[in-house]
């Protein structure tokens, strides 16, 4: 039934311009599902949409939750017109302003930077002191996204990333955004900012990440700092800076 729904969508939009891709299952959330089960689902779903629209890519990512460190050859399907994606809300305690990681750059226990995933991501132990900075991001992208591109030569895309308004600039919000955006551009990985709208009041809410917001009182709020941080990486004006793994 789900595949039938996507066939309907693909049929409806196959002649419409500017459709990036068909994301037939966003962030698989069943942690008990195996990598092969997730891959088989994507394989069948992408085959279904490509039977009616062969030109538009399929967008595929790892379970669970599009985690970067689960992005490996287990997710590759037998369909060359596929973009491989992951989320980048790392570390979650910083980007969502939860407190355990409260400043960028800084030094923290590895388990706090990879909350819930220390076994997979902390080879020197969960308590190992780890520097959270631009090099940390670069290592993340190289160890997983770069490794997959090197082995499979596939296009990559960050499905969503952001830092919420509850993280102050004094805590490194803008510096984090500039470092991540620059690294993604250098390595030719496209991305989308997670535009999570606030709760309908007169100011940004702690957990929101939208760049523009019409407040309840009619005021237009503009996240000028983050727009300025992102703007240099939202055009093709500096292709000379790009490299590719």
C-alpha atoms as a PDB file:
ATOM      1  CA  UNK A   1       0.000   0.000   0.000  1.00  0.00           C
ATOM      2  CA  UNK A   2       2.811   2.450   0.853  1.00  0.00           C
ATOM      3  CA  UNK A   3       4.548   1.721  -2.434  1.00  0.00           C
ATOM      4  CA  UNK A   4       1.253   2.287  -4.260  1.00  0.00           C
ATOM      5  CA  UNK A   5       1.031   5.709  -2.622  1.00  0.00           C
ATOM      6  CA  UNK A   6       4.534   6.611  -3.802  1.00  0.00           C
ATOM      7  CA  UNK A   7       3.771   5.378  -7.327  1.00  0.00           C
ATOM      8  CA  UNK A   8       0.797   7.746  -7.301  1.00  0.00           C
ATOM      9  CA  UNK A   9       3.023  10.634  -6.135  1.00  0.00           C
ATOM     10  CA  UNK A  10       5.729   9.854  -8.715  1.00  0.00           C
ATOM     11  CA  UNK A  11       3.157   9.660 -11.484  1.00  0.00           C
ATOM     12  CA  UNK A  12       1.677  12.996 -10.406  1.00  0.00           C
ATOM     13  CA  UNK A  13       5.013  14.835 -10.252  1.00  0.00           C
ATOM     14  CA  UNK A  14       7.193  13.161 -12.860  1.00  0.00           C
ATOM     15  CA  UNK A  15       6.847  16.081 -15.276  1.00  0.00           C
ATOM     16  CA  UNK A  16       7.186  18.812 -12.626  1.00  0.00           C
ATOM     17  CA  UNK A  17      10.474  20.728 -12.479  1.00  0.00           C
ATOM     18  CA  UNK A  18      12.656  21.052  -9.379  1.00  0.00           C
ATOM     19  CA  UNK A  19      11.670  17.839  -7.616  1.00  0.00           C
ATOM     20  CA  UNK A  20      14.899  16.915  -5.853  1.00  0.00           C
ATOM     21  CA  UNK A  21      14.124  13.302  -5.019  1.00  0.00           C
ATOM     22  CA  UNK A  22      11.566  10.858  -3.637  1.00  0.00           C
ATOM     23  CA  UNK A  23      12.236  10.239   0.058  1.00  0.00           C
ATOM     24  CA  UNK A  24      10.086   7.162   0.468  1.00  0.00           C
ATOM     25  CA  UNK A  25      10.912   6.528   4.142  1.00  0.00           C
ATOM     26  CA  UNK A  26      12.293   9.395   6.214  1.00  0.00           C
ATOM     27  CA  UNK A  27      14.478   8.429   9.176  1.00  0.00           C
ATOM     28  CA  UNK A  28      13.608   4.740   9.684  1.00  0.00           C
ATOM     29  CA  UNK A  29      12.792   4.640  13.399  1.00  0.00           C
ATOM     30  CA  UNK A  30      12.495   0.966  14.260  1.00  0.00           C
ATOM     31  CA  UNK A  31      15.758   0.295  16.085  1.00  0.00           C
ATOM     32  CA  UNK A  32      15.047  -3.429  15.891  1.00  0.00           C
ATOM     33  CA  UNK A  33      14.977  -3.404  12.101  1.00  0.00           C
ATOM     34  CA  UNK A  34      18.162  -4.791  10.594  1.00  0.00           C
ATOM     35  CA  UNK A  35      20.213  -2.946   7.991  1.00  0.00           C
ATOM     36  CA  UNK A  36      19.214  -5.540   5.402  1.00  0.00           C
ATOM     37  CA  UNK A  37      15.508  -5.036   6.155  1.00  0.00           C
ATOM     38  CA  UNK A  38      15.856  -1.277   5.749  1.00  0.00           C
ATOM     39  CA  UNK A  39      17.827  -1.722   2.520  1.00  0.00           C
ATOM     40  CA  UNK A  40      15.290  -4.174   1.101  1.00  0.00           C
ATOM     41  CA  UNK A  41      12.439  -1.770   1.833  1.00  0.00           C
ATOM     42  CA  UNK A  42      14.241   1.051   0.054  1.00  0.00           C
ATOM     43  CA  UNK A  43      15.173  -1.182  -2.848  1.00  0.00           C
ATOM     44  CA  UNK A  44      11.569  -2.191  -3.480  1.00  0.00           C
ATOM     45  CA  UNK A  45      10.204   1.312  -2.943  1.00  0.00           C
ATOM     46  CA  UNK A  46      12.726   2.989  -5.224  1.00  0.00           C
ATOM     47  CA  UNK A  47      12.114   0.377  -7.899  1.00  0.00           C
ATOM     48  CA  UNK A  48       8.394   1.169  -7.688  1.00  0.00           C
ATOM     49  CA  UNK A  49       8.802   4.931  -8.155  1.00  0.00           C
ATOM     50  CA  UNK A  50      11.463   4.556 -10.831  1.00  0.00           C
ATOM     51  CA  UNK A  51       9.134   2.335 -12.816  1.00  0.00           C
ATOM     52  CA  UNK A  52       7.045   5.468 -13.469  1.00  0.00           C
ATOM     53  CA  UNK A  53       9.682   8.215 -13.077  1.00  0.00           C
ATOM     54  CA  UNK A  54      13.164   6.988 -13.874  1.00  0.00           C
ATOM     55  CA  UNK A  55      14.664  10.485 -13.999  1.00  0.00           C
ATOM     56  CA  UNK A  56      14.084  11.676 -10.431  1.00  0.00           C
ATOM     57  CA  UNK A  57      16.457  10.229  -7.811  1.00  0.00           C
ATOM     58  CA  UNK A  58      15.424   8.217  -4.795  1.00  0.00           C
ATOM     59  CA  UNK A  59      16.670   9.472  -1.392  1.00  0.00           C
ATOM     60  CA  UNK A  60      17.897   6.727   0.931  1.00  0.00           C
ATOM     61  CA  UNK A  61      19.405   6.799   4.427  1.00  0.00           C
ATOM     62  CA  UNK A  62      20.361   4.434   7.225  1.00  0.00           C
ATOM     63  CA  UNK A  63      18.233   3.229  10.117  1.00  0.00           C
ATOM     64  CA  UNK A  64      17.933   4.262  12.750  1.00  0.00           C
ATOM     65  CA  UNK A  65      17.150   7.952  12.409  1.00  0.00           C
ATOM     66  CA  UNK A  66      19.584   8.608   9.540  1.00  0.00           C
ATOM     67  CA  UNK A  67      22.547   8.468  11.922  1.00  0.00           C
ATOM     68  CA  UNK A  68      25.814   9.369  10.208  1.00  0.00           C
ATOM     69  CA  UNK A  69      27.767   6.525  11.804  1.00  0.00           C
ATOM     70  CA  UNK A  70      25.321   3.994  10.352  1.00  0.00           C
ATOM     71  CA  UNK A  71      25.940   5.293   6.821  1.00  0.00           C
ATOM     72  CA  UNK A  72      27.912   2.518   5.161  1.00  0.00           C
ATOM     73  CA  UNK A  73      27.659   0.033   2.319  1.00  0.00           C
ATOM     74  CA  UNK A  74      24.832  -1.794   4.091  1.00  0.00           C
ATOM     75  CA  UNK A  75      22.474   0.919   2.845  1.00  0.00           C
ATOM     76  CA  UNK A  76      23.530   0.797  -0.823  1.00  0.00           C
ATOM     77  CA  UNK A  77      20.784  -0.399  -3.152  1.00  0.00           C
ATOM     78  CA  UNK A  78      21.061  -1.655  -6.719  1.00  0.00           C
ATOM     79  CA  UNK A  79      19.828   1.576  -8.277  1.00  0.00           C
ATOM     80  CA  UNK A  80      22.315   4.108  -9.663  1.00  0.00           C
ATOM     81  CA  UNK A  81      19.822   6.981  -9.504  1.00  0.00           C
ATOM     82  CA  UNK A  82      19.967   7.229  -5.712  1.00  0.00           C
ATOM     83  CA  UNK A  83      21.164   9.920  -3.316  1.00  0.00           C
ATOM     84  CA  UNK A  84      22.362   8.777   0.102  1.00  0.00           C
ATOM     85  CA  UNK A  85      21.468  10.933   3.075  1.00  0.00           C
ATOM     86  CA  UNK A  86      22.060  11.416   6.789  1.00  0.00           C
ATOM     87  CA  UNK A  87      21.069  13.875   9.519  1.00  0.00           C
ATOM     88  CA  UNK A  88      23.642  15.933  11.384  1.00  0.00           C
ATOM     89  CA  UNK A  89      22.400  16.979  14.810  1.00  0.00           C
ATOM     90  CA  UNK A  90      25.700  16.218  16.463  1.00  0.00           C
ATOM     91  CA  UNK A  91      26.189  16.289  19.306  1.00  0.00           C
ATOM     92  CA  UNK A  92      22.487  16.378  20.069  1.00  0.00           C
ATOM     93  CA  UNK A  93      23.068  17.827  23.553  1.00  0.00           C
ATOM     94  CA  UNK A  94      24.634  20.912  21.966  1.00  0.00           C
ATOM     95  CA  UNK A  95      22.447  21.501  18.913  1.00  0.00           C
ATOM     96  CA  UNK A  96      19.227  21.088  20.942  1.00  0.00           C
ATOM     97  CA  UNK A  97      20.558  23.043  23.928  1.00  0.00           C
ATOM     98  CA  UNK A  98      20.111  20.202  26.396  1.00  0.00           C
ATOM     99  CA  UNK A  99      23.001  21.189  28.663  1.00  0.00           C
ATOM    100  CA  UNK A 100      25.381  18.222  28.761  1.00  0.00           C
ATOM    101  CA  UNK A 101      27.457  19.809  25.983  1.00  0.00           C
ATOM    102  CA  UNK A 102      27.096  23.519  26.583  1.00  0.00           C
ATOM    103  CA  UNK A 103      29.817  25.241  24.561  1.00  0.00           C
ATOM    104  CA  UNK A 104      31.622  25.057  21.228  1.00  0.00           C
ATOM    105  CA  UNK A 105      34.484  24.473  21.092  1.00  0.00           C
ATOM    106  CA  UNK A 106      35.124  22.512  24.264  1.00  0.00           C
ATOM    107  CA  UNK A 107      36.212  19.200  25.753  1.00  0.00           C
ATOM    108  CA  UNK A 108      33.789  16.522  26.890  1.00  0.00           C
ATOM    109  CA  UNK A 109      33.527  12.822  27.617  1.00  0.00           C
ATOM    110  CA  UNK A 110      33.141  10.951  24.349  1.00  0.00           C
ATOM    111  CA  UNK A 111      29.851   9.434  25.544  1.00  0.00           C
ATOM    112  CA  UNK A 112      28.369  12.935  25.804  1.00  0.00           C
ATOM    113  CA  UNK A 113      29.319  13.782  22.232  1.00  0.00           C
ATOM    114  CA  UNK A 114      27.890  10.497  20.908  1.00  0.00           C
ATOM    115  CA  UNK A 115      25.016  10.034  23.330  1.00  0.00           C
ATOM    116  CA  UNK A 116      23.699   6.481  23.184  1.00  0.00           C
ATOM    117  CA  UNK A 117      26.308   5.435  20.631  1.00  0.00           C
ATOM    118  CA  UNK A 118      29.547   5.294  22.617  1.00  0.00           C
ATOM    119  CA  UNK A 119      30.112   1.638  21.703  1.00  0.00           C
ATOM    120  CA  UNK A 120      30.107   2.487  18.003  1.00  0.00           C
ATOM    121  CA  UNK A 121      31.856   5.866  18.152  1.00  0.00           C
ATOM    122  CA  UNK A 122      34.275   5.920  21.105  1.00  0.00           C
ATOM    123  CA  UNK A 123      37.165   3.536  20.372  1.00  0.00           C
ATOM    124  CA  UNK A 124      39.167   4.901  23.321  1.00  0.00           C
ATOM    125  CA  UNK A 125      36.290   4.409  25.744  1.00  0.00           C
ATOM    126  CA  UNK A 126      33.101   6.199  26.711  1.00  0.00           C
ATOM    127  CA  UNK A 127      34.850   8.394  29.284  1.00  0.00           C
ATOM    128  CA  UNK A 128      37.697   9.448  26.993  1.00  0.00           C
ATOM    129  CA  UNK A 129      38.225  13.209  26.982  1.00  0.00           C
ATOM    130  CA  UNK A 130      37.353  14.392  23.467  1.00  0.00           C
ATOM    131  CA  UNK A 131      37.773  17.819  21.904  1.00  0.00           C
ATOM    132  CA  UNK A 132      34.588  19.127  20.319  1.00  0.00           C
ATOM    133  CA  UNK A 133      35.672  21.472  17.537  1.00  0.00           C
ATOM    134  CA  UNK A 134      36.020  21.788  13.764  1.00  0.00           C
ATOM    135  CA  UNK A 135      38.410  18.833  13.670  1.00  0.00           C
ATOM    136  CA  UNK A 136      35.797  16.703  15.446  1.00  0.00           C
ATOM    137  CA  UNK A 137      33.271  17.490  12.689  1.00  0.00           C
ATOM    138  CA  UNK A 138      35.855  16.868   9.974  1.00  0.00           C
ATOM    139  CA  UNK A 139      36.660  13.476  11.459  1.00  0.00           C
ATOM    140  CA  UNK A 140      32.971  12.556  11.588  1.00  0.00           C
ATOM    141  CA  UNK A 141      32.465  13.400   7.928  1.00  0.00           C
ATOM    142  CA  UNK A 142      35.643  11.625   6.863  1.00  0.00           C
ATOM    143  CA  UNK A 143      35.104   8.474   8.939  1.00  0.00           C
ATOM    144  CA  UNK A 144      31.599   7.785   7.678  1.00  0.00           C
ATOM    145  CA  UNK A 145      30.380   9.966   4.782  1.00  0.00           C
ATOM    146  CA  UNK A 146      33.816  10.151   3.201  1.00  0.00           C
ATOM    147  CA  UNK A 147      34.400   6.441   3.650  1.00  0.00           C
ATOM    148  CA  UNK A 148      31.140   5.578   1.895  1.00  0.00           C
ATOM    149  CA  UNK A 149      31.843   7.929  -0.985  1.00  0.00           C
ATOM    150  CA  UNK A 150      35.349   6.500  -1.362  1.00  0.00           C
ATOM    151  CA  UNK A 151      34.119   2.908  -1.466  1.00  0.00           C
ATOM    152  CA  UNK A 152      30.871   3.326  -3.419  1.00  0.00           C
ATOM    153  CA  UNK A 153      31.247   6.671  -5.271  1.00  0.00           C
ATOM    154  CA  UNK A 154      27.710   7.829  -4.488  1.00  0.00           C
ATOM    155  CA  UNK A 155      26.173  11.304  -4.103  1.00  0.00           C
ATOM    156  CA  UNK A 156      25.630  12.449  -0.512  1.00  0.00           C
ATOM    157  CA  UNK A 157      23.182  14.904   1.050  1.00  0.00           C
ATOM    158  CA  UNK A 158      22.584  16.071   4.625  1.00  0.00           C
ATOM    159  CA  UNK A 159      18.852  15.666   5.045  1.00  0.00           C
ATOM    160  CA  UNK A 160      18.702  18.215   7.865  1.00  0.00           C
ATOM    161  CA  UNK A 161      20.872  20.014  10.389  1.00  0.00           C
ATOM    162  CA  UNK A 162      20.575  23.062  12.636  1.00  0.00           C
ATOM    163  CA  UNK A 163      21.354  24.572  16.029  1.00  0.00           C
ATOM    164  CA  UNK A 164      18.330  25.756  18.017  1.00  0.00           C
ATOM    165  CA  UNK A 165      17.742  29.331  19.168  1.00  0.00           C
ATOM    166  CA  UNK A 166      18.193  28.211  22.767  1.00  0.00           C
ATOM    167  CA  UNK A 167      21.946  27.941  22.156  1.00  0.00           C
ATOM    168  CA  UNK A 168      23.442  31.395  22.606  1.00  0.00           C
ATOM    169  CA  UNK A 169      26.011  32.823  20.236  1.00  0.00           C
ATOM    170  CA  UNK A 170      28.291  33.169  23.275  1.00  0.00           C
ATOM    171  CA  UNK A 171      28.125  29.371  23.569  1.00  0.00           C
ATOM    172  CA  UNK A 172      29.385  28.992  19.989  1.00  0.00           C
ATOM    173  CA  UNK A 173      26.198  28.693  17.928  1.00  0.00           C
ATOM    174  CA  UNK A 174      27.425  30.733  14.975  1.00  0.00           C
ATOM    175  CA  UNK A 175      30.942  29.267  15.114  1.00  0.00           C
ATOM    176  CA  UNK A 176      29.474  25.749  14.963  1.00  0.00           C
ATOM    177  CA  UNK A 177      27.283  26.649  11.979  1.00  0.00           C
ATOM    178  CA  UNK A 178      30.151  28.257  10.077  1.00  0.00           C
ATOM    179  CA  UNK A 179      32.443  25.269  10.635  1.00  0.00           C
ATOM    180  CA  UNK A 180      29.882  22.659   9.590  1.00  0.00           C
ATOM    181  CA  UNK A 181      28.696  24.618   6.543  1.00  0.00           C
ATOM    182  CA  UNK A 182      32.264  25.179   5.402  1.00  0.00           C
ATOM    183  CA  UNK A 183      33.231  21.527   5.795  1.00  0.00           C
ATOM    184  CA  UNK A 184      30.158  20.345   3.899  1.00  0.00           C
ATOM    185  CA  UNK A 185      30.889  22.735   1.055  1.00  0.00           C
ATOM    186  CA  UNK A 186      34.533  21.723   0.893  1.00  0.00           C
ATOM    187  CA  UNK A 187      33.495  18.116   0.496  1.00  0.00           C
ATOM    188  CA  UNK A 188      30.655  18.744  -1.963  1.00  0.00           C
ATOM    189  CA  UNK A 189      27.839  17.521   0.284  1.00  0.00           C
ATOM    190  CA  UNK A 190      24.521  19.320  -0.166  1.00  0.00           C
ATOM    191  CA  UNK A 191      22.299  20.035   2.802  1.00  0.00           C
ATOM    192  CA  UNK A 192      19.003  21.404   4.100  1.00  0.00           C
ATOM    193  CA  UNK A 193      18.590  23.504   7.247  1.00  0.00           C
ATOM    194  CA  UNK A 194      15.975  22.138   9.677  1.00  0.00           C
ATOM    195  CA  UNK A 195      13.387  24.901   9.875  1.00  0.00           C
ATOM    196  CA  UNK A 196      11.605  23.967  13.105  1.00  0.00           C
ATOM    197  CA  UNK A 197       8.999  26.614  13.936  1.00  0.00           C
ATOM    198  CA  UNK A 198       8.436  27.899  17.457  1.00  0.00           C
ATOM    199  CA  UNK A 199       5.350  27.795  19.615  1.00  0.00           C
ATOM    200  CA  UNK A 200       3.406  30.775  18.322  1.00  0.00           C
ATOM    201  CA  UNK A 201       4.536  33.428  20.832  1.00  0.00           C
ATOM    202  CA  UNK A 202       6.257  36.767  20.416  1.00  0.00           C
ATOM    203  CA  UNK A 203       9.856  35.514  20.356  1.00  0.00           C
ATOM    204  CA  UNK A 204      11.998  32.565  19.311  1.00  0.00           C
ATOM    205  CA  UNK A 205      11.410  29.457  21.428  1.00  0.00           C
ATOM    206  CA  UNK A 206      14.306  27.508  22.904  1.00  0.00           C
ATOM    207  CA  UNK A 207      13.895  24.467  20.639  1.00  0.00           C
ATOM    208  CA  UNK A 208      13.081  26.263  17.396  1.00  0.00           C
ATOM    209  CA  UNK A 209      15.515  26.754  14.513  1.00  0.00           C
ATOM    210  CA  UNK A 210      13.626  28.694  11.846  1.00  0.00           C
ATOM    211  CA  UNK A 211      15.470  31.557  10.170  1.00  0.00           C
ATOM    212  CA  UNK A 212      12.407  33.771   9.738  1.00  0.00           C
ATOM    213  CA  UNK A 213       9.423  33.908  12.082  1.00  0.00           C
ATOM    214  CA  UNK A 214       6.249  35.951  12.122  1.00  0.00           C
ATOM    215  CA  UNK A 215       5.545  36.374  15.832  1.00  0.00           C
ATOM    216  CA  UNK A 216       2.052  36.391  17.274  1.00  0.00           C
ATOM    217  CA  UNK A 217       2.216  40.187  17.572  1.00  0.00           C
ATOM    218  CA  UNK A 218       2.920  40.528  13.846  1.00  0.00           C
ATOM    219  CA  UNK A 219       6.647  41.220  14.150  1.00  0.00           C
ATOM    220  CA  UNK A 220       8.956  39.555  11.640  1.00  0.00           C
ATOM    221  CA  UNK A 221      11.949  38.061  13.450  1.00  0.00           C
ATOM    222  CA  UNK A 222      15.070  37.441  11.359  1.00  0.00           C
ATOM    223  CA  UNK A 223      17.926  35.214  12.545  1.00  0.00           C
ATOM    224  CA  UNK A 224      20.494  37.537  10.978  1.00  0.00           C
ATOM    225  CA  UNK A 225      23.576  35.906  12.536  1.00  0.00           C
ATOM    226  CA  UNK A 226      22.812  32.428  11.244  1.00  0.00           C
ATOM    227  CA  UNK A 227      21.656  33.685   7.847  1.00  0.00           C
ATOM    228  CA  UNK A 228      24.978  35.524   7.558  1.00  0.00           C
ATOM    229  CA  UNK A 229      26.829  32.375   8.608  1.00  0.00           C
ATOM    230  CA  UNK A 230      25.039  30.234   6.030  1.00  0.00           C
ATOM    231  CA  UNK A 231      24.888  32.693   3.132  1.00  0.00           C
ATOM    232  CA  UNK A 232      28.430  32.109   1.781  1.00  0.00           C
ATOM    233  CA  UNK A 233      27.608  28.409   1.439  1.00  0.00           C
ATOM    234  CA  UNK A 234      24.262  28.751  -0.306  1.00  0.00           C
ATOM    235  CA  UNK A 235      25.509  29.537  -3.809  1.00  0.00           C
ATOM    236  CA  UNK A 236      27.941  28.233  -6.411  1.00  0.00           C
ATOM    237  CA  UNK A 237      29.986  31.407  -6.322  1.00  0.00           C
ATOM    238  CA  UNK A 238      33.051  29.772  -4.779  1.00  0.00           C
ATOM    239  CA  UNK A 239      33.302  26.400  -6.491  1.00  0.00           C
ATOM    240  CA  UNK A 240      37.082  26.709  -6.467  1.00  0.00           C
ATOM    241  CA  UNK A 241      37.078  25.943  -2.747  1.00  0.00           C
ATOM    242  CA  UNK A 242      35.381  22.596  -3.170  1.00  0.00           C
ATOM    243  CA  UNK A 243      37.130  19.264  -2.973  1.00  0.00           C
ATOM    244  CA  UNK A 244      35.715  15.774  -3.179  1.00  0.00           C
ATOM    245  CA  UNK A 245      36.615  12.672  -1.231  1.00  0.00           C
END
